[in-house]
N, C-alpha and C. Protein backbone atom coordinates (compact mmCIF):
# COMPACT_ATOMS: atom_id res chain seq x y z
N MET A 1 0.84 -1.21 -0.13
CA MET A 1 0.06 -0.03 -0.09
C MET A 1 0.79 1.26 0.01
N ALA A 2 2.00 1.26 0.62
CA ALA A 2 2.76 2.44 0.78
C ALA A 2 3.45 2.84 -0.56
N THR A 3 3.76 1.88 -1.42
CA THR A 3 4.30 2.06 -2.81
C THR A 3 3.25 2.67 -3.68
N GLU A 4 1.94 2.22 -3.52
CA GLU A 4 0.79 2.48 -4.60
C GLU A 4 0.44 3.96 -4.23
N GLU A 5 -0.07 4.70 -5.15
CA GLU A 5 -0.69 6.02 -4.99
C GLU A 5 -2.15 5.76 -4.47
N LYS A 6 -2.65 6.54 -3.62
CA LYS A 6 -4.03 6.57 -3.24
C LYS A 6 -4.81 6.89 -4.37
N LYS A 7 -5.86 6.09 -4.61
CA LYS A 7 -6.71 6.24 -5.74
C LYS A 7 -7.60 7.59 -5.62
N LYS A 8 -7.79 8.35 -6.58
CA LYS A 8 -8.52 9.64 -6.32
C LYS A 8 -9.90 9.43 -6.73
N SER A 9 -10.77 10.20 -6.25
CA SER A 9 -12.11 10.17 -6.74
C SER A 9 -12.20 10.95 -8.02
N ARG A 10 -13.27 10.95 -8.64
CA ARG A 10 -13.43 11.62 -9.83
C ARG A 10 -13.43 13.02 -9.79
N SER A 11 -14.12 13.55 -8.70
CA SER A 11 -14.20 15.01 -8.42
C SER A 11 -12.78 15.53 -8.00
N GLN A 12 -11.94 14.75 -7.32
CA GLN A 12 -10.56 15.32 -6.98
C GLN A 12 -9.70 15.28 -8.13
N TYR A 13 -10.01 14.37 -9.09
CA TYR A 13 -9.30 14.40 -10.40
C TYR A 13 -9.61 15.72 -11.12
N LYS A 14 -10.95 16.04 -11.11
CA LYS A 14 -11.37 17.16 -11.97
C LYS A 14 -10.88 18.42 -11.28
N VAL A 15 -10.80 18.49 -10.01
CA VAL A 15 -10.29 19.72 -9.41
C VAL A 15 -8.94 19.92 -9.76
N GLU A 16 -7.98 18.88 -9.60
CA GLU A 16 -6.64 19.06 -10.09
C GLU A 16 -6.46 19.52 -11.52
N ARG A 17 -7.16 18.76 -12.31
CA ARG A 17 -7.22 19.04 -13.82
C ARG A 17 -7.58 20.51 -14.14
N ASN A 18 -8.57 21.00 -13.58
CA ASN A 18 -9.08 22.40 -13.88
C ASN A 18 -8.14 23.32 -13.20
N ARG A 19 -7.45 23.02 -12.18
CA ARG A 19 -6.43 24.10 -11.55
C ARG A 19 -5.29 24.12 -12.45
N GLU A 20 -4.80 22.98 -13.07
CA GLU A 20 -3.67 23.05 -14.11
C GLU A 20 -4.11 23.86 -15.38
N ASN A 21 -5.35 23.66 -15.81
CA ASN A 21 -5.70 24.30 -16.98
C ASN A 21 -6.42 25.56 -17.05
N ARG A 22 -6.47 26.15 -15.66
CA ARG A 22 -7.12 27.54 -15.57
C ARG A 22 -6.41 28.62 -16.37
N GLU A 23 -7.19 29.51 -16.81
CA GLU A 23 -6.71 30.60 -17.68
C GLU A 23 -6.13 31.65 -16.73
N THR A 24 -4.79 32.00 -16.84
CA THR A 24 -4.17 32.76 -15.96
C THR A 24 -4.20 34.39 -16.44
N ARG A 25 -4.46 34.44 -17.71
CA ARG A 25 -4.60 35.73 -18.39
C ARG A 25 -5.89 36.55 -17.85
N PRO A 26 -5.87 37.87 -17.85
CA PRO A 26 -7.24 38.53 -17.33
C PRO A 26 -8.12 38.32 -18.51
N HIS A 27 -9.47 38.09 -18.03
CA HIS A 27 -10.53 37.90 -19.02
C HIS A 27 -11.84 38.19 -18.40
N ALA A 28 -12.74 38.24 -19.32
CA ALA A 28 -14.30 38.43 -18.89
C ALA A 28 -15.12 37.69 -19.89
N LYS A 29 -16.13 37.05 -19.30
CA LYS A 29 -17.09 36.40 -20.00
C LYS A 29 -18.64 36.74 -19.82
N LEU A 30 -19.32 36.77 -20.87
CA LEU A 30 -20.80 37.16 -20.71
C LEU A 30 -21.58 36.09 -21.42
N THR A 31 -22.39 35.46 -20.47
CA THR A 31 -23.32 34.33 -21.13
C THR A 31 -24.60 34.75 -21.38
N TYR A 32 -25.39 34.23 -22.34
CA TYR A 32 -26.77 34.51 -22.50
C TYR A 32 -26.91 35.92 -22.91
N ALA A 33 -26.08 36.61 -23.74
CA ALA A 33 -26.21 37.84 -24.35
C ALA A 33 -27.35 37.78 -25.29
N ARG A 34 -28.35 38.68 -25.34
CA ARG A 34 -29.34 38.60 -26.24
C ARG A 34 -29.03 39.35 -27.69
N ILE A 35 -27.87 38.73 -28.12
CA ILE A 35 -27.32 39.32 -29.43
C ILE A 35 -27.02 37.99 -30.20
N PRO A 36 -27.32 37.87 -31.50
CA PRO A 36 -26.92 36.72 -32.45
C PRO A 36 -25.55 36.84 -32.54
N VAL A 37 -24.85 35.63 -32.79
CA VAL A 37 -23.55 35.38 -32.83
C VAL A 37 -23.00 36.17 -34.01
N GLN A 38 -23.68 36.12 -35.15
CA GLN A 38 -23.28 36.77 -36.35
C GLN A 38 -23.10 38.29 -36.24
N LYS A 39 -24.06 38.93 -35.47
CA LYS A 39 -24.06 40.37 -35.33
C LYS A 39 -22.92 40.68 -34.29
N ALA A 40 -22.56 39.76 -33.29
CA ALA A 40 -21.55 40.02 -32.31
C ALA A 40 -20.27 39.86 -33.01
N CYS A 41 -20.06 39.01 -33.84
CA CYS A 41 -18.76 38.80 -34.56
C CYS A 41 -18.33 39.97 -35.30
N PHE A 42 -19.28 40.77 -36.04
CA PHE A 42 -18.97 41.82 -36.83
C PHE A 42 -18.15 42.90 -35.88
N VAL A 43 -18.73 43.01 -34.75
CA VAL A 43 -17.78 44.02 -33.64
C VAL A 43 -16.66 43.54 -33.17
N MET A 44 -16.70 42.11 -32.89
CA MET A 44 -15.57 41.46 -32.30
C MET A 44 -14.20 41.57 -33.37
N ASP A 45 -14.63 41.47 -34.72
CA ASP A 45 -13.64 41.43 -35.58
C ASP A 45 -13.03 42.73 -35.78
N ALA A 46 -13.72 43.81 -35.45
CA ALA A 46 -13.32 45.22 -35.55
C ALA A 46 -12.22 45.46 -34.24
N ILE A 47 -12.11 44.83 -33.22
CA ILE A 47 -11.36 45.08 -32.14
C ILE A 47 -10.44 43.92 -31.83
N ARG A 48 -10.32 42.89 -32.40
CA ARG A 48 -9.36 41.67 -32.36
C ARG A 48 -7.93 42.23 -32.55
N GLY A 49 -7.09 42.09 -31.44
CA GLY A 49 -5.55 42.31 -31.72
C GLY A 49 -5.36 43.75 -31.40
N LYS A 50 -6.19 44.66 -31.11
CA LYS A 50 -6.05 46.12 -30.80
C LYS A 50 -5.73 46.16 -29.35
N ASP A 51 -5.08 47.35 -28.95
CA ASP A 51 -4.81 47.58 -27.44
C ASP A 51 -6.15 48.11 -27.01
N VAL A 52 -6.30 48.09 -25.65
CA VAL A 52 -7.47 48.28 -24.77
C VAL A 52 -7.99 49.75 -25.09
N THR A 53 -7.24 50.78 -25.01
CA THR A 53 -7.79 52.04 -25.15
C THR A 53 -8.15 52.35 -26.50
N THR A 54 -7.68 51.75 -27.49
CA THR A 54 -8.09 52.01 -29.00
C THR A 54 -9.35 51.23 -29.09
N ALA A 55 -9.48 50.00 -28.54
CA ALA A 55 -10.61 49.06 -28.88
C ALA A 55 -11.91 49.87 -28.05
N LEU A 56 -11.57 50.28 -26.87
CA LEU A 56 -12.72 50.93 -26.20
C LEU A 56 -13.25 52.15 -26.91
N ALA A 57 -12.43 52.96 -27.55
CA ALA A 57 -12.73 54.18 -28.43
C ALA A 57 -13.42 53.65 -29.55
N ILE A 58 -13.21 52.64 -30.19
CA ILE A 58 -13.85 52.01 -31.41
C ILE A 58 -15.27 51.61 -30.99
N LEU A 59 -15.36 50.99 -29.77
CA LEU A 59 -16.66 50.35 -29.38
C LEU A 59 -17.66 51.51 -29.02
N GLN A 60 -16.97 52.65 -28.56
CA GLN A 60 -17.87 53.75 -28.05
C GLN A 60 -18.63 54.49 -29.15
N TYR A 61 -17.96 54.55 -30.27
CA TYR A 61 -18.66 55.30 -31.29
C TYR A 61 -19.07 54.32 -32.58
N ASN A 62 -19.09 53.12 -32.24
CA ASN A 62 -19.68 52.06 -33.25
C ASN A 62 -21.18 52.15 -33.13
N PRO A 63 -21.93 52.35 -34.19
CA PRO A 63 -23.41 52.41 -33.99
C PRO A 63 -24.25 51.16 -33.63
N ARG A 64 -23.58 49.91 -33.74
CA ARG A 64 -24.21 48.73 -33.58
C ARG A 64 -24.44 48.58 -32.06
N TYR A 65 -25.67 47.78 -31.83
CA TYR A 65 -26.05 47.58 -30.41
C TYR A 65 -25.13 46.68 -29.76
N ALA A 66 -24.56 45.73 -30.43
CA ALA A 66 -23.65 44.78 -29.83
C ALA A 66 -22.34 45.52 -29.25
N SER A 67 -21.96 46.57 -29.83
CA SER A 67 -20.85 47.35 -29.43
C SER A 67 -21.04 47.89 -27.91
N SER A 68 -22.13 48.31 -27.57
CA SER A 68 -22.36 48.69 -26.35
C SER A 68 -22.21 47.60 -25.13
N VAL A 69 -22.59 46.32 -25.56
CA VAL A 69 -22.55 45.25 -24.61
C VAL A 69 -21.11 44.84 -24.57
N ILE A 70 -20.29 44.81 -25.74
CA ILE A 70 -19.04 44.34 -25.62
C ILE A 70 -18.04 45.30 -25.09
N TYR A 71 -18.52 46.73 -25.04
CA TYR A 71 -17.76 47.83 -24.48
C TYR A 71 -17.76 47.56 -23.00
N LYS A 72 -18.97 47.17 -22.39
CA LYS A 72 -18.85 46.99 -20.90
C LYS A 72 -18.10 45.67 -20.64
N LEU A 73 -18.08 44.63 -21.57
CA LEU A 73 -17.33 43.34 -21.31
C LEU A 73 -15.92 43.64 -21.28
N LEU A 74 -15.50 44.39 -22.25
CA LEU A 74 -14.10 44.83 -22.37
C LEU A 74 -13.61 45.71 -21.18
N ALA A 75 -14.39 46.68 -20.68
CA ALA A 75 -14.29 47.37 -19.52
C ALA A 75 -14.01 46.51 -18.35
N SER A 76 -14.93 45.59 -18.11
CA SER A 76 -14.77 44.47 -17.13
C SER A 76 -13.42 43.78 -17.17
N ALA A 77 -13.01 43.34 -18.27
CA ALA A 77 -11.82 42.61 -18.44
C ALA A 77 -10.65 43.44 -18.06
N ALA A 78 -10.67 44.74 -18.53
CA ALA A 78 -9.57 45.60 -18.07
C ALA A 78 -9.50 45.90 -16.71
N ALA A 79 -10.67 45.93 -15.99
CA ALA A 79 -10.68 46.11 -14.58
C ALA A 79 -10.02 44.91 -13.95
N ASN A 80 -10.43 43.76 -14.30
CA ASN A 80 -9.81 42.49 -13.93
C ASN A 80 -8.30 42.34 -13.95
N ALA A 81 -7.83 42.97 -15.08
CA ALA A 81 -6.46 43.07 -15.44
C ALA A 81 -5.68 43.92 -14.44
N GLU A 82 -6.28 45.10 -14.02
CA GLU A 82 -5.72 46.08 -13.31
C GLU A 82 -5.69 45.66 -11.75
N PHE A 83 -6.85 44.70 -11.37
CA PHE A 83 -6.82 44.06 -10.13
C PHE A 83 -5.76 43.08 -9.97
N GLN A 84 -5.15 42.39 -11.02
CA GLN A 84 -4.12 41.63 -11.09
C GLN A 84 -2.92 42.31 -11.05
N GLY A 85 -2.78 43.48 -11.17
CA GLY A 85 -1.64 44.33 -11.01
C GLY A 85 -0.97 44.53 -12.45
N LYS A 86 -1.70 44.61 -13.50
CA LYS A 86 -1.19 44.77 -14.88
C LYS A 86 -1.41 46.15 -15.18
N ASN A 87 -0.49 46.71 -16.12
CA ASN A 87 -0.78 48.15 -16.42
C ASN A 87 -1.68 48.26 -17.67
N ARG A 88 -2.69 49.10 -17.61
CA ARG A 88 -3.73 49.16 -18.68
C ARG A 88 -3.14 49.58 -20.01
N GLU A 89 -2.02 50.38 -20.14
CA GLU A 89 -1.63 50.84 -21.22
C GLU A 89 -0.91 49.78 -22.10
N ASN A 90 -0.28 48.62 -21.45
CA ASN A 90 0.37 47.63 -21.99
C ASN A 90 -0.63 46.43 -22.51
N LEU A 91 -1.98 46.55 -22.29
CA LEU A 91 -2.86 45.53 -22.48
C LEU A 91 -3.35 45.56 -23.94
N TYR A 92 -3.56 44.26 -24.61
CA TYR A 92 -4.16 44.21 -25.90
C TYR A 92 -5.16 42.98 -25.85
N ILE A 93 -5.91 42.98 -26.79
CA ILE A 93 -7.04 41.89 -26.89
C ILE A 93 -6.34 40.86 -27.50
N ALA A 94 -6.01 39.72 -26.72
CA ALA A 94 -5.29 38.53 -27.31
C ALA A 94 -6.37 37.66 -28.09
N GLU A 95 -7.63 37.28 -27.33
CA GLU A 95 -8.59 36.63 -28.02
C GLU A 95 -9.86 37.24 -27.69
N CYS A 96 -10.78 37.11 -28.72
CA CYS A 96 -12.25 37.54 -28.38
C CYS A 96 -12.97 36.81 -29.40
N TYR A 97 -14.06 36.09 -28.90
CA TYR A 97 -14.95 35.30 -29.56
C TYR A 97 -16.42 35.32 -29.06
N ALA A 98 -17.30 34.99 -29.92
CA ALA A 98 -18.58 34.74 -29.58
C ALA A 98 -19.07 33.35 -29.96
N ASN A 99 -19.73 32.60 -28.96
CA ASN A 99 -20.09 31.29 -29.28
C ASN A 99 -21.66 31.21 -29.18
N ASN A 100 -22.23 30.27 -29.92
CA ASN A 100 -23.81 30.13 -29.87
C ASN A 100 -24.20 29.79 -28.35
N GLY A 101 -25.33 30.51 -28.02
CA GLY A 101 -25.97 30.22 -26.71
C GLY A 101 -27.26 29.53 -26.99
N PRO A 102 -28.16 29.53 -26.06
CA PRO A 102 -29.45 28.83 -26.31
C PRO A 102 -30.39 29.80 -27.20
N ILE A 103 -31.31 29.18 -27.72
CA ILE A 103 -32.23 29.83 -28.73
C ILE A 103 -33.63 29.73 -28.15
N MET A 104 -34.33 31.06 -28.06
CA MET A 104 -35.71 31.02 -27.56
C MET A 104 -36.47 30.94 -28.75
N LYS A 105 -37.33 29.99 -28.80
CA LYS A 105 -38.24 29.65 -30.02
C LYS A 105 -39.66 30.38 -29.74
N ARG A 106 -40.00 31.15 -30.54
CA ARG A 106 -41.28 31.92 -30.49
C ARG A 106 -42.11 31.79 -31.67
N ILE A 107 -43.51 31.81 -31.53
CA ILE A 107 -44.36 31.50 -32.62
C ILE A 107 -45.08 32.73 -33.14
N HIS A 108 -45.01 33.02 -34.47
CA HIS A 108 -45.64 34.29 -34.93
C HIS A 108 -46.97 33.72 -35.89
N PRO A 109 -48.25 34.22 -35.59
CA PRO A 109 -49.21 33.59 -36.40
C PRO A 109 -49.23 34.32 -37.82
N ARG A 110 -49.53 33.44 -38.74
CA ARG A 110 -49.54 33.70 -40.15
C ARG A 110 -50.90 33.54 -40.69
N ALA A 111 -51.17 33.85 -42.02
CA ALA A 111 -52.57 33.62 -42.66
C ALA A 111 -52.85 32.10 -42.74
N GLN A 112 -54.12 31.96 -42.75
CA GLN A 112 -54.74 30.48 -42.91
C GLN A 112 -54.38 29.64 -41.80
N GLY A 113 -54.17 30.31 -40.58
CA GLY A 113 -53.93 29.44 -39.40
C GLY A 113 -52.64 28.83 -39.34
N ARG A 114 -51.90 29.23 -40.08
CA ARG A 114 -50.43 28.74 -40.06
C ARG A 114 -49.57 29.53 -38.99
N ALA A 115 -48.39 28.76 -38.58
CA ALA A 115 -47.63 29.63 -37.54
C ALA A 115 -46.30 29.47 -38.04
N TYR A 116 -45.41 30.54 -38.05
CA TYR A 116 -44.10 30.73 -38.28
C TYR A 116 -43.22 30.76 -37.09
N ARG A 117 -42.24 30.05 -37.04
CA ARG A 117 -41.28 30.12 -36.02
C ARG A 117 -40.25 31.31 -35.96
N ILE A 118 -40.06 31.92 -34.80
CA ILE A 118 -39.12 32.93 -34.77
C ILE A 118 -38.02 32.44 -33.68
N ASN A 119 -36.76 32.57 -34.27
CA ASN A 119 -35.74 32.20 -33.32
C ASN A 119 -35.04 33.39 -32.73
N LYS A 120 -35.06 33.45 -31.51
CA LYS A 120 -34.40 34.60 -30.96
C LYS A 120 -33.09 34.10 -30.20
N ARG A 121 -31.99 34.46 -30.94
CA ARG A 121 -30.70 33.78 -30.46
C ARG A 121 -30.00 34.46 -29.57
N MET A 122 -29.21 33.65 -28.85
CA MET A 122 -28.32 34.27 -27.71
C MET A 122 -26.83 33.93 -28.12
N SER A 123 -25.95 34.55 -27.43
CA SER A 123 -24.53 34.26 -27.71
C SER A 123 -23.78 34.25 -26.27
N ASN A 124 -22.76 33.51 -26.08
CA ASN A 124 -21.78 33.53 -25.20
C ASN A 124 -20.51 34.31 -25.58
N LEU A 125 -20.19 35.54 -24.90
CA LEU A 125 -19.09 36.26 -25.43
C LEU A 125 -17.98 36.21 -24.43
N SER A 126 -16.64 36.16 -25.15
CA SER A 126 -15.56 36.04 -24.18
C SER A 126 -14.52 36.99 -24.77
N ILE A 127 -13.65 37.75 -23.84
CA ILE A 127 -12.61 38.55 -24.15
C ILE A 127 -11.43 38.04 -23.16
N ILE A 128 -10.24 37.80 -23.71
CA ILE A 128 -8.96 37.41 -23.01
C ILE A 128 -7.98 38.57 -23.45
N LEU A 129 -7.43 39.26 -22.42
CA LEU A 129 -6.39 40.25 -22.55
C LEU A 129 -5.05 39.61 -22.30
N ASP A 130 -4.03 40.33 -22.75
CA ASP A 130 -2.63 39.90 -22.59
C ASP A 130 -1.77 41.23 -22.50
N GLU A 131 -0.56 41.07 -22.04
CA GLU A 131 0.30 42.19 -21.89
C GLU A 131 1.31 42.07 -22.99
N ARG A 132 1.60 43.33 -23.56
CA ARG A 132 2.78 43.31 -24.67
C ARG A 132 4.16 43.53 -23.95
């Protein structure tokens, strides 16, 4: 028994694995945002790879609705970075992406008793910052 390792439970194994694979860079995540992924990606593409101050300026004057949501998300990620002791001027957007979230399915009545389905799509937005 002394030479053999003690067998770990599944939850102990998962805790250790998650501790090793945890994201150490400052990041922010927004789940269930009421924006379709395609519309969020137009805004995300505009700021990918830029430094934080430039990206915030781009988002502030972008007319799309998604830019206001992503502006708050980026400001939150920058605040998380400052809490970790990183300088805001050296930060840039290393990764930003939008993934599909759940879809709310609604019915719209049409002529002759038919019903058309309306999909109200959601997305999960993520921004990861890094220092230059």
